Amino acid sequence: MNKPKVSVAMITYGHENYIEEAINGVLMQECDFDVELIIVNDYSPDNTERIVLEILKNHPNSSWIKYIKHKKNLGMMPNFIFALNECQGKYIALCEGDDYWTYPLKLQKQVDFLNNNPEYVICGTRIKVNIKGTFSEDKSQQAENMVYCLEDVLYKNPFSTCSVVFRNNVPGNEYFDRFYTGDWPLYCYLMKKGKGCILNIVTAVYNFHGHGVASSLDLNSYLKNRLNDRFLLVKRNDKKYKWIIKKHGYRLLFYYTKNALFLRLDYLKALVKNKGSIVEFIKS
């Protein structure tokens, strides 16, 4: 295969119930350029590898796939960074092994947009969220194309990870030190050099199944890690953005509290049992 125009980074761990759909969503893409799918298995203990190997053996587009399995578990962030470093394409798309794409022209539409608009560094789309078989559109996204600058993304990450395509201008590994997540810091780094856009098309499904990293944490840990990311992002970008923390600190705390409670109702029970935890969080 020629050097790919697009590299799709797919990290996976414990995704035996989702990985086949995730891979097929990539391999069904209809585009006039070469694509590579980088699947990086973080030493998953389930049947994820067996499913990947079956697809490699039988799928007509299996030549797109570069499959790597670590000899030991690295953890989410090191695995994410490893996958990015494997990508050879001019553009990189993200789709974790428990999400999937639904639109065969997803990559073509986004690559065309980036090719025709050099001032943009990242292009997302609208998505749907699947919670226990009930599908709903992400309410944070409007019906029209939306344009973002760095300041917007520092305040709140508008991009759904399973939807993005961006220019292959990723930072060195050291940039990700101390961050809890990889996608949001990555988008902020990219947008120092251009704008971002969310196209008015639905192309992917985010599976909320309660087994992700965020949903495995108690409320305090979730809030602290996410706000830690925000503060680090502001500090590592430009001094002029520090007003975001000063002006919106309590608003941000409310936003993440509400978001956490929406995602996991059992957080509410934990919060009631642990009165004063938010106060202690603010003090810490």
C-alpha atoms as a PDB file:
ATOM      1  CA  MET A   1       0.000   0.000   0.000  1.00  0.00           C
ATOM      2  CA  ASN A   2       1.144   3.554  -0.757  1.00  0.00           C
ATOM      3  CA  LYS A   3       1.721   5.974   2.085  1.00  0.00           C
ATOM      4  CA  PRO A   4      -1.784   6.568   3.455  1.00  0.00           C
ATOM      5  CA  LYS A   5      -3.585   9.871   3.229  1.00  0.00           C
ATOM      6  CA  VAL A   6      -5.418   9.074   6.494  1.00  0.00           C
ATOM      7  CA  SER A   7      -4.333   7.051   9.503  1.00  0.00           C
ATOM      8  CA  VAL A   8      -7.094   5.879  11.842  1.00  0.00           C
ATOM      9  CA  ALA A   9      -5.857   5.358  15.411  1.00  0.00           C
ATOM     10  CA  MET A  10      -7.927   2.778  17.293  1.00  0.00           C
ATOM     11  CA  ILE A  11      -6.904   1.893  20.846  1.00  0.00           C
ATOM     12  CA  THR A  12      -8.612  -1.063  22.437  1.00  0.00           C
ATOM     13  CA  TYR A  13      -8.836  -2.843  25.783  1.00  0.00           C
ATOM     14  CA  GLY A  14     -11.662  -5.113  26.903  1.00  0.00           C
ATOM     15  CA  HIS A  15     -13.744  -4.356  23.826  1.00  0.00           C
ATOM     16  CA  GLU A  16     -14.756  -7.830  22.705  1.00  0.00           C
ATOM     17  CA  ASN A  17     -18.422  -6.750  22.506  1.00  0.00           C
ATOM     18  CA  TYR A  18     -17.662  -3.680  20.374  1.00  0.00           C
ATOM     19  CA  ILE A  19     -14.432  -4.095  18.410  1.00  0.00           C
ATOM     20  CA  GLU A  20     -15.905  -5.814  15.341  1.00  0.00           C
ATOM     21  CA  GLU A  21     -18.379  -2.990  14.747  1.00  0.00           C
ATOM     22  CA  ALA A  22     -15.638  -0.417  15.335  1.00  0.00           C
ATOM     23  CA  ILE A  23     -13.325  -2.002  12.765  1.00  0.00           C
ATOM     24  CA  ASN A  24     -16.071  -2.549  10.186  1.00  0.00           C
ATOM     25  CA  GLY A  25     -17.076   1.110  10.446  1.00  0.00           C
ATOM     26  CA  VAL A  26     -13.588   2.053   9.290  1.00  0.00           C
ATOM     27  CA  LEU A  27     -13.202  -0.637   6.634  1.00  0.00           C
ATOM     28  CA  MET A  28     -16.514   0.351   4.982  1.00  0.00           C
ATOM     29  CA  GLN A  29     -15.222   3.854   4.184  1.00  0.00           C
ATOM     30  CA  GLU A  30     -15.540   4.903   0.543  1.00  0.00           C
ATOM     31  CA  CYS A  31     -12.722   7.281  -0.386  1.00  0.00           C
ATOM     32  CA  ASP A  32     -10.387   8.178  -3.225  1.00  0.00           C
ATOM     33  CA  PHE A  33      -7.246   7.906  -1.078  1.00  0.00           C
ATOM     34  CA  ASP A  34      -5.387   5.268   0.900  1.00  0.00           C
ATOM     35  CA  VAL A  35      -6.285   4.586   4.531  1.00  0.00           C
ATOM     36  CA  GLU A  36      -4.435   2.713   7.259  1.00  0.00           C
ATOM     37  CA  LEU A  37      -6.160   1.484  10.404  1.00  0.00           C
ATOM     38  CA  ILE A  38      -3.782   1.289  13.371  1.00  0.00           C
ATOM     39  CA  ILE A  39      -5.299  -1.047  15.986  1.00  0.00           C
ATOM     40  CA  VAL A  40      -3.326  -1.081  19.231  1.00  0.00           C
ATOM     41  CA  ASN A  41      -4.416  -3.713  21.742  1.00  0.00           C
ATOM     42  CA  ASP A  42      -3.297  -2.828  25.272  1.00  0.00           C
ATOM     43  CA  TYR A  43      -2.877  -6.471  26.343  1.00  0.00           C
ATOM     44  CA  SER A  44      -6.629  -7.004  26.556  1.00  0.00           C
ATOM     45  CA  PRO A  45      -7.569 -10.057  28.674  1.00  0.00           C
ATOM     46  CA  ASP A  46     -10.723 -10.928  26.699  1.00  0.00           C
ATOM     47  CA  ASN A  47     -11.466 -12.118  23.141  1.00  0.00           C
ATOM     48  CA  THR A  48     -10.611  -8.807  21.471  1.00  0.00           C
ATOM     49  CA  GLU A  49      -7.544 -10.233  19.718  1.00  0.00           C
ATOM     50  CA  ARG A  50      -9.386 -13.283  18.393  1.00  0.00           C
ATOM     51  CA  ILE A  51     -11.996 -11.016  16.775  1.00  0.00           C
ATOM     52  CA  VAL A  52      -9.338  -8.752  15.247  1.00  0.00           C
ATOM     53  CA  LEU A  53      -7.458 -11.734  13.811  1.00  0.00           C
ATOM     54  CA  GLU A  54     -10.662 -13.114  12.259  1.00  0.00           C
ATOM     55  CA  ILE A  55     -11.244  -9.801  10.503  1.00  0.00           C
ATOM     56  CA  LEU A  56      -7.623  -9.728   9.330  1.00  0.00           C
ATOM     57  CA  LYS A  57      -8.111 -13.182   7.866  1.00  0.00           C
ATOM     58  CA  ASN A  58     -11.471 -12.678   6.169  1.00  0.00           C
ATOM     59  CA  HIS A  59     -12.272  -9.020   5.427  1.00  0.00           C
ATOM     60  CA  PRO A  60     -11.650  -7.815   1.834  1.00  0.00           C
ATOM     61  CA  ASN A  61     -10.139  -4.568   3.146  1.00  0.00           C
ATOM     62  CA  SER A  62      -7.965  -6.230   5.791  1.00  0.00           C
ATOM     63  CA  SER A  63      -4.845  -4.848   4.064  1.00  0.00           C
ATOM     64  CA  TRP A  64      -5.759  -1.479   5.598  1.00  0.00           C
ATOM     65  CA  ILE A  65      -5.079  -2.858   9.084  1.00  0.00           C
ATOM     66  CA  LYS A  66      -1.858  -2.649  11.035  1.00  0.00           C
ATOM     67  CA  TYR A  67      -2.426  -4.625  14.240  1.00  0.00           C
ATOM     68  CA  ILE A  68      -0.226  -4.291  17.329  1.00  0.00           C
ATOM     69  CA  LYS A  69      -0.656  -5.999  20.691  1.00  0.00           C
ATOM     70  CA  HIS A  70       1.449  -4.908  23.634  1.00  0.00           C
ATOM     71  CA  LYS A  71       3.204  -7.570  25.693  1.00  0.00           C
ATOM     72  CA  LYS A  72       1.942  -5.918  28.865  1.00  0.00           C
ATOM     73  CA  ASN A  73      -0.735  -3.395  29.754  1.00  0.00           C
ATOM     74  CA  LEU A  74       0.523   0.188  29.332  1.00  0.00           C
ATOM     75  CA  GLY A  75      -2.585   2.093  30.376  1.00  0.00           C
ATOM     76  CA  MET A  76      -4.862   4.392  28.419  1.00  0.00           C
ATOM     77  CA  MET A  77      -2.627   7.434  27.985  1.00  0.00           C
ATOM     78  CA  PRO A  78       0.615   5.601  27.025  1.00  0.00           C
ATOM     79  CA  ASN A  79      -1.377   3.457  24.596  1.00  0.00           C
ATOM     80  CA  PHE A  80      -3.016   6.532  23.046  1.00  0.00           C
ATOM     81  CA  ILE A  81       0.359   8.233  22.577  1.00  0.00           C
ATOM     82  CA  PHE A  82       1.833   5.032  21.127  1.00  0.00           C
ATOM     83  CA  ALA A  83      -0.999   4.807  18.586  1.00  0.00           C
ATOM     84  CA  LEU A  84      -0.535   8.422  17.503  1.00  0.00           C
ATOM     85  CA  ASN A  85       3.173   7.823  16.939  1.00  0.00           C
ATOM     86  CA  GLU A  86       2.361   4.896  14.634  1.00  0.00           C
ATOM     87  CA  CYS A  87       0.263   7.037  12.295  1.00  0.00           C
ATOM     88  CA  GLN A  88       1.922   7.802   8.947  1.00  0.00           C
ATOM     89  CA  GLY A  89      -0.894   9.657   7.178  1.00  0.00           C
ATOM     90  CA  LYS A  90      -1.200  13.344   6.371  1.00  0.00           C
ATOM     91  CA  TYR A  91      -4.370  13.264   8.463  1.00  0.00           C
ATOM     92  CA  ILE A  92      -5.284  11.288  11.580  1.00  0.00           C
ATOM     93  CA  ALA A  93      -8.758  10.102  12.583  1.00  0.00           C
ATOM     94  CA  LEU A  94      -9.682   8.701  15.998  1.00  0.00           C
ATOM     95  CA  CYS A  95     -12.100   5.908  16.843  1.00  0.00           C
ATOM     96  CA  GLU A  96     -11.719   3.954  20.063  1.00  0.00           C
ATOM     97  CA  GLY A  97     -12.493   0.260  19.992  1.00  0.00           C
ATOM     98  CA  ASP A  98     -15.878   0.611  21.682  1.00  0.00           C
ATOM     99  CA  ASP A  99     -17.294   3.279  19.321  1.00  0.00           C
ATOM    100  CA  TYR A 100     -18.091   3.029  15.621  1.00  0.00           C
ATOM    101  CA  TRP A 101     -18.681   4.960  12.406  1.00  0.00           C
ATOM    102  CA  THR A 102     -22.010   4.844  10.580  1.00  0.00           C
ATOM    103  CA  TYR A 103     -21.404   6.957   7.464  1.00  0.00           C
ATOM    104  CA  PRO A 104     -19.383   5.477   4.564  1.00  0.00           C
ATOM    105  CA  LEU A 105     -18.327   8.928   3.290  1.00  0.00           C
ATOM    106  CA  LYS A 106     -17.150  10.176   6.688  1.00  0.00           C
ATOM    107  CA  LEU A 107     -13.436  10.315   5.879  1.00  0.00           C
ATOM    108  CA  GLN A 108     -13.979  11.589   2.347  1.00  0.00           C
ATOM    109  CA  LYS A 109     -16.140  14.520   3.505  1.00  0.00           C
ATOM    110  CA  GLN A 110     -13.754  15.530   6.277  1.00  0.00           C
ATOM    111  CA  VAL A 111     -10.585  15.197   4.222  1.00  0.00           C
ATOM    112  CA  ASP A 112     -12.190  17.214   1.414  1.00  0.00           C
ATOM    113  CA  PHE A 113     -13.041  19.922   3.937  1.00  0.00           C
ATOM    114  CA  LEU A 114      -9.505  20.073   5.323  1.00  0.00           C
ATOM    115  CA  ASN A 115      -7.971  20.006   1.847  1.00  0.00           C
ATOM    116  CA  ASN A 116     -10.147  22.923   0.752  1.00  0.00           C
ATOM    117  CA  ASN A 117      -9.761  24.936   3.961  1.00  0.00           C
ATOM    118  CA  PRO A 118      -6.076  25.111   4.977  1.00  0.00           C
ATOM    119  CA  GLU A 119      -6.834  27.482   7.865  1.00  0.00           C
ATOM    120  CA  TYR A 120      -8.568  24.595   9.684  1.00  0.00           C
ATOM    121  CA  VAL A 121      -6.538  22.012  11.605  1.00  0.00           C
ATOM    122  CA  ILE A 122      -9.321  19.753  12.901  1.00  0.00           C
ATOM    123  CA  CYS A 123     -12.721  18.688  11.595  1.00  0.00           C
ATOM    124  CA  GLY A 124     -15.344  16.904  13.683  1.00  0.00           C
ATOM    125  CA  THR A 125     -18.940  15.897  13.009  1.00  0.00           C
ATOM    126  CA  ARG A 126     -22.141  15.378  14.906  1.00  0.00           C
ATOM    127  CA  ILE A 127     -22.636  11.993  16.558  1.00  0.00           C
ATOM    128  CA  LYS A 128     -25.223   9.896  18.326  1.00  0.00           C
ATOM    129  CA  VAL A 129     -24.863   8.500  21.845  1.00  0.00           C
ATOM    130  CA  ASN A 130     -25.926   4.930  22.603  1.00  0.00           C
ATOM    131  CA  ILE A 131     -26.941   4.316  26.218  1.00  0.00           C
ATOM    132  CA  LYS A 132     -28.155   0.757  26.708  1.00  0.00           C
ATOM    133  CA  GLY A 133     -29.670   0.587  23.220  1.00  0.00           C
ATOM    134  CA  THR A 134     -31.277   4.028  23.319  1.00  0.00           C
ATOM    135  CA  PHE A 135     -29.807   6.382  20.736  1.00  0.00           C
ATOM    136  CA  SER A 136     -29.890  10.150  21.034  1.00  0.00           C
ATOM    137  CA  GLU A 137     -28.035  12.943  19.290  1.00  0.00           C
ATOM    138  CA  ASP A 138     -25.370  14.738  21.290  1.00  0.00           C
ATOM    139  CA  LYS A 139     -27.257  17.786  22.601  1.00  0.00           C
ATOM    140  CA  SER A 140     -24.093  19.872  22.846  1.00  0.00           C
ATOM    141  CA  GLN A 141     -23.961  20.056  19.048  1.00  0.00           C
ATOM    142  CA  GLN A 142     -26.226  22.273  16.965  1.00  0.00           C
ATOM    143  CA  ALA A 143     -27.691  21.654  13.520  1.00  0.00           C
ATOM    144  CA  GLU A 144     -25.353  23.958  11.603  1.00  0.00           C
ATOM    145  CA  ASN A 145     -21.629  23.840  10.929  1.00  0.00           C
ATOM    146  CA  MET A 146     -19.827  25.259  13.927  1.00  0.00           C
ATOM    147  CA  VAL A 147     -16.446  26.984  13.965  1.00  0.00           C
ATOM    148  CA  TYR A 148     -14.126  27.065  16.995  1.00  0.00           C
ATOM    149  CA  CYS A 149     -10.959  28.835  18.038  1.00  0.00           C
ATOM    150  CA  LEU A 150      -8.442  27.858  20.727  1.00  0.00           C
ATOM    151  CA  GLU A 151     -10.185  29.936  23.386  1.00  0.00           C
ATOM    152  CA  ASP A 152     -13.446  28.043  22.781  1.00  0.00           C
ATOM    153  CA  VAL A 153     -11.778  24.652  23.143  1.00  0.00           C
ATOM    154  CA  LEU A 154      -9.857  25.675  26.271  1.00  0.00           C
ATOM    155  CA  TYR A 155     -13.177  26.526  27.871  1.00  0.00           C
ATOM    156  CA  LYS A 156     -14.940  23.313  26.822  1.00  0.00           C
ATOM    157  CA  ASN A 157     -14.014  20.483  24.466  1.00  0.00           C
ATOM    158  CA  PRO A 158     -16.677  20.494  21.706  1.00  0.00           C
ATOM    159  CA  PHE A 159     -15.280  17.579  19.685  1.00  0.00           C
ATOM    160  CA  SER A 160     -16.474  13.992  19.993  1.00  0.00           C
ATOM    161  CA  THR A 161     -13.380  11.811  19.826  1.00  0.00           C
ATOM    162  CA  CYS A 162     -14.946   9.211  17.537  1.00  0.00           C
ATOM    163  CA  SER A 163     -15.751  11.932  14.986  1.00  0.00           C
ATOM    164  CA  VAL A 164     -12.518  13.875  14.508  1.00  0.00           C
ATOM    165  CA  VAL A 165     -10.042  14.074  11.647  1.00  0.00           C
ATOM    166  CA  PHE A 166      -7.035  16.373  12.102  1.00  0.00           C
ATOM    167  CA  ARG A 167      -3.739  17.284  10.489  1.00  0.00           C
ATOM    168  CA  ASN A 168      -0.839  15.064  11.541  1.00  0.00           C
ATOM    169  CA  ASN A 169       0.961  17.675  13.596  1.00  0.00           C
ATOM    170  CA  VAL A 170       0.912  15.906  16.962  1.00  0.00           C
ATOM    171  CA  PRO A 171       3.120  17.051  19.848  1.00  0.00           C
ATOM    172  CA  GLY A 172       5.991  15.140  21.393  1.00  0.00           C
ATOM    173  CA  ASN A 173       5.236  12.575  24.074  1.00  0.00           C
ATOM    174  CA  GLU A 174       6.321  14.921  26.871  1.00  0.00           C
ATOM    175  CA  TYR A 175       3.447  17.303  26.063  1.00  0.00           C
ATOM    176  CA  PHE A 176       0.957  14.813  27.503  1.00  0.00           C
ATOM    177  CA  ASP A 177       2.676  14.589  30.910  1.00  0.00           C
ATOM    178  CA  ARG A 178       0.245  14.982  33.845  1.00  0.00           C
ATOM    179  CA  PHE A 179      -2.863  15.069  31.641  1.00  0.00           C
ATOM    180  CA  TYR A 180      -5.701  12.715  32.562  1.00  0.00           C
ATOM    181  CA  THR A 181      -7.000  12.485  28.982  1.00  0.00           C
ATOM    182  CA  GLY A 182      -5.249  12.681  25.636  1.00  0.00           C
ATOM    183  CA  ASP A 183      -7.839  13.946  23.173  1.00  0.00           C
ATOM    184  CA  TRP A 184      -8.712  17.329  24.647  1.00  0.00           C
ATOM    185  CA  PRO A 185      -5.077  18.399  25.234  1.00  0.00           C
ATOM    186  CA  LEU A 186      -4.273  17.240  21.704  1.00  0.00           C
ATOM    187  CA  TYR A 187      -7.015  19.388  20.181  1.00  0.00           C
ATOM    188  CA  CYS A 188      -5.804  22.456  22.085  1.00  0.00           C
ATOM    189  CA  TYR A 189      -2.261  21.883  20.861  1.00  0.00           C
ATOM    190  CA  LEU A 190      -3.428  21.577  17.262  1.00  0.00           C
ATOM    191  CA  MET A 191      -5.594  24.685  17.457  1.00  0.00           C
ATOM    192  CA  LYS A 192      -2.660  26.924  18.254  1.00  0.00           C
ATOM    193  CA  LYS A 193      -2.134  26.796  14.489  1.00  0.00           C
ATOM    194  CA  GLY A 194      -5.660  27.076  13.144  1.00  0.00           C
ATOM    195  CA  LYS A 195      -9.401  26.726  13.577  1.00  0.00           C
ATOM    196  CA  GLY A 196     -11.697  23.764  14.148  1.00  0.00           C
ATOM    197  CA  CYS A 197     -15.090  22.896  12.713  1.00  0.00           C
ATOM    198  CA  ILE A 198     -17.935  20.462  13.369  1.00  0.00           C
ATOM    199  CA  LEU A 199     -19.725  19.540  10.150  1.00  0.00           C
ATOM    200  CA  ASN A 200     -23.481  19.220   9.971  1.00  0.00           C
ATOM    201  CA  ILE A 201     -23.490  15.450   9.389  1.00  0.00           C
ATOM    202  CA  VAL A 202     -23.927  12.530  11.776  1.00  0.00           C
ATOM    203  CA  THR A 203     -21.144  10.010  11.184  1.00  0.00           C
ATOM    204  CA  ALA A 204     -20.524   8.002  14.351  1.00  0.00           C
ATOM    205  CA  VAL A 205     -21.889   6.478  17.530  1.00  0.00           C
ATOM    206  CA  TYR A 206     -20.385   6.867  20.979  1.00  0.00           C
ATOM    207  CA  ASN A 207     -21.223   3.829  23.099  1.00  0.00           C
ATOM    208  CA  PHE A 208     -21.752   4.747  26.732  1.00  0.00           C
ATOM    209  CA  HIS A 209     -21.627   1.411  28.511  1.00  0.00           C
ATOM    210  CA  GLY A 210     -20.382   2.269  32.003  1.00  0.00           C
ATOM    211  CA  HIS A 211     -17.012   0.542  31.605  1.00  0.00           C
ATOM    212  CA  GLY A 212     -14.932   3.478  30.429  1.00  0.00           C
ATOM    213  CA  VAL A 213     -12.198   5.198  32.404  1.00  0.00           C
ATOM    214  CA  ALA A 214     -14.330   8.165  33.504  1.00  0.00           C
ATOM    215  CA  SER A 215     -17.261   6.007  34.589  1.00  0.00           C
ATOM    216  CA  SER A 216     -14.998   3.854  36.759  1.00  0.00           C
ATOM    217  CA  LEU A 217     -14.088   6.807  38.995  1.00  0.00           C
ATOM    218  CA  ASP A 218     -15.921   8.283  41.956  1.00  0.00           C
ATOM    219  CA  LEU A 219     -17.277  11.808  41.559  1.00  0.00           C
ATOM    220  CA  ASN A 220     -14.402  13.518  43.339  1.00  0.00           C
ATOM    221  CA  SER A 221     -11.768  11.770  41.216  1.00  0.00           C
ATOM    222  CA  TYR A 222     -13.642  12.455  38.005  1.00  0.00           C
ATOM    223  CA  LEU A 223     -14.025  16.165  38.728  1.00  0.00           C
ATOM    224  CA  LYS A 224     -10.500  16.600  39.984  1.00  0.00           C
ATOM    225  CA  ASN A 225      -8.929  14.897  36.974  1.00  0.00           C
ATOM    226  CA  ARG A 226     -11.011  16.781  34.428  1.00  0.00           C
ATOM    227  CA  LEU A 227     -10.464  20.167  36.033  1.00  0.00           C
ATOM    228  CA  ASN A 228      -6.776  19.362  36.393  1.00  0.00           C
ATOM    229  CA  ASP A 229      -6.707  18.945  32.606  1.00  0.00           C
ATOM    230  CA  ARG A 230      -8.380  22.314  32.109  1.00  0.00           C
ATOM    231  CA  PHE A 231      -6.001  24.168  34.418  1.00  0.00           C
ATOM    232  CA  LEU A 232      -2.962  22.538  32.793  1.00  0.00           C
ATOM    233  CA  LEU A 233      -4.248  23.422  29.333  1.00  0.00           C
ATOM    234  CA  VAL A 234      -4.672  27.062  30.252  1.00  0.00           C
ATOM    235  CA  LYS A 235      -1.251  27.221  31.906  1.00  0.00           C
ATOM    236  CA  ARG A 236       0.483  25.534  28.973  1.00  0.00           C
ATOM    237  CA  ASN A 237      -1.053  27.733  26.315  1.00  0.00           C
ATOM    238  CA  ASP A 238      -1.066  31.478  26.837  1.00  0.00           C
ATOM    239  CA  LYS A 239      -1.224  33.720  29.896  1.00  0.00           C
ATOM    240  CA  LYS A 240      -4.098  35.675  28.401  1.00  0.00           C
ATOM    241  CA  TYR A 241      -6.344  32.619  28.789  1.00  0.00           C
ATOM    242  CA  LYS A 242      -5.953  32.418  32.567  1.00  0.00           C
ATOM    243  CA  TRP A 243      -9.049  34.615  32.893  1.00  0.00           C
ATOM    244  CA  ILE A 244     -11.053  31.517  31.952  1.00  0.00           C
ATOM    245  CA  ILE A 245     -10.209  29.961  35.321  1.00  0.00           C
ATOM    246  CA  LYS A 246     -10.800  33.131  37.305  1.00  0.00           C
ATOM    247  CA  LYS A 247     -14.065  34.053  35.606  1.00  0.00           C
ATOM    248  CA  HIS A 248     -15.601  30.626  35.158  1.00  0.00           C
ATOM    249  CA  GLY A 249     -14.131  28.470  37.933  1.00  0.00           C
ATOM    250  CA  TYR A 250     -17.375  27.791  39.813  1.00  0.00           C
ATOM    251  CA  ARG A 251     -19.339  27.561  36.589  1.00  0.00           C
ATOM    252  CA  LEU A 252     -16.915  24.919  35.347  1.00  0.00           C
ATOM    253  CA  LEU A 253     -17.264  23.006  38.601  1.00  0.00           C
ATOM    254  CA  PHE A 254     -21.055  23.024  38.208  1.00  0.00           C
ATOM    255  CA  TYR A 255     -20.781  21.946  34.588  1.00  0.00           C
ATOM    256  CA  TYR A 256     -18.636  18.928  35.392  1.00  0.00           C
ATOM    257  CA  THR A 257     -20.721  17.986  38.406  1.00  0.00           C
ATOM    258  CA  LYS A 258     -23.853  18.011  36.258  1.00  0.00           C
ATOM    259  CA  ASN A 259     -22.112  16.101  33.491  1.00  0.00           C
ATOM    260  CA  ALA A 260     -20.815  13.425  35.850  1.00  0.00           C
ATOM    261  CA  LEU A 261     -24.223  12.968  37.438  1.00  0.00           C
ATOM    262  CA  PHE A 262     -25.840  12.669  34.026  1.00  0.00           C
ATOM    263  CA  LEU A 263     -23.384   9.992  32.949  1.00  0.00           C
ATOM    264  CA  ARG A 264     -23.505   7.983  36.165  1.00  0.00           C
ATOM    265  CA  LEU A 265     -26.543   8.289  38.452  1.00  0.00           C
ATOM    266  CA  ASP A 266     -24.762   6.324  41.152  1.00  0.00           C
ATOM    267  CA  TYR A 267     -22.426   9.318  41.532  1.00  0.00           C
ATOM    268  CA  LEU A 268     -25.391  11.057  43.142  1.00  0.00           C
ATOM    269  CA  LYS A 269     -25.603   8.378  45.809  1.00  0.00           C
ATOM    270  CA  ALA A 270     -21.874   8.705  46.458  1.00  0.00           C
ATOM    271  CA  LEU A 271     -22.221  12.462  46.746  1.00  0.00           C
ATOM    272  CA  VAL A 272     -25.060  12.209  49.264  1.00  0.00           C
ATOM    273  CA  LYS A 273     -23.102   9.722  51.381  1.00  0.00           C
ATOM    274  CA  ASN A 274     -19.993  11.866  51.271  1.00  0.00           C
ATOM    275  CA  LYS A 275     -21.281  15.318  52.240  1.00  0.00           C
ATOM    276  CA  GLY A 276     -18.637  17.977  52.044  1.00  0.00           C
ATOM    277  CA  SER A 277     -16.655  16.212  49.337  1.00  0.00           C
ATOM    278  CA  ILE A 278     -17.158  19.055  46.864  1.00  0.00           C
ATOM    279  CA  VAL A 279     -16.035  21.586  49.468  1.00  0.00           C
ATOM    280  CA  GLU A 280     -12.908  19.575  50.138  1.00  0.00           C
ATOM    281  CA  PHE A 281     -12.344  19.290  46.407  1.00  0.00           C
ATOM    282  CA  ILE A 282     -12.472  23.068  45.976  1.00  0.00           C
ATOM    283  CA  LYS A 283     -10.035  23.551  48.859  1.00  0.00           C
ATOM    284  CA  SER A 284      -7.551  20.991  47.550  1.00  0.00           C
END
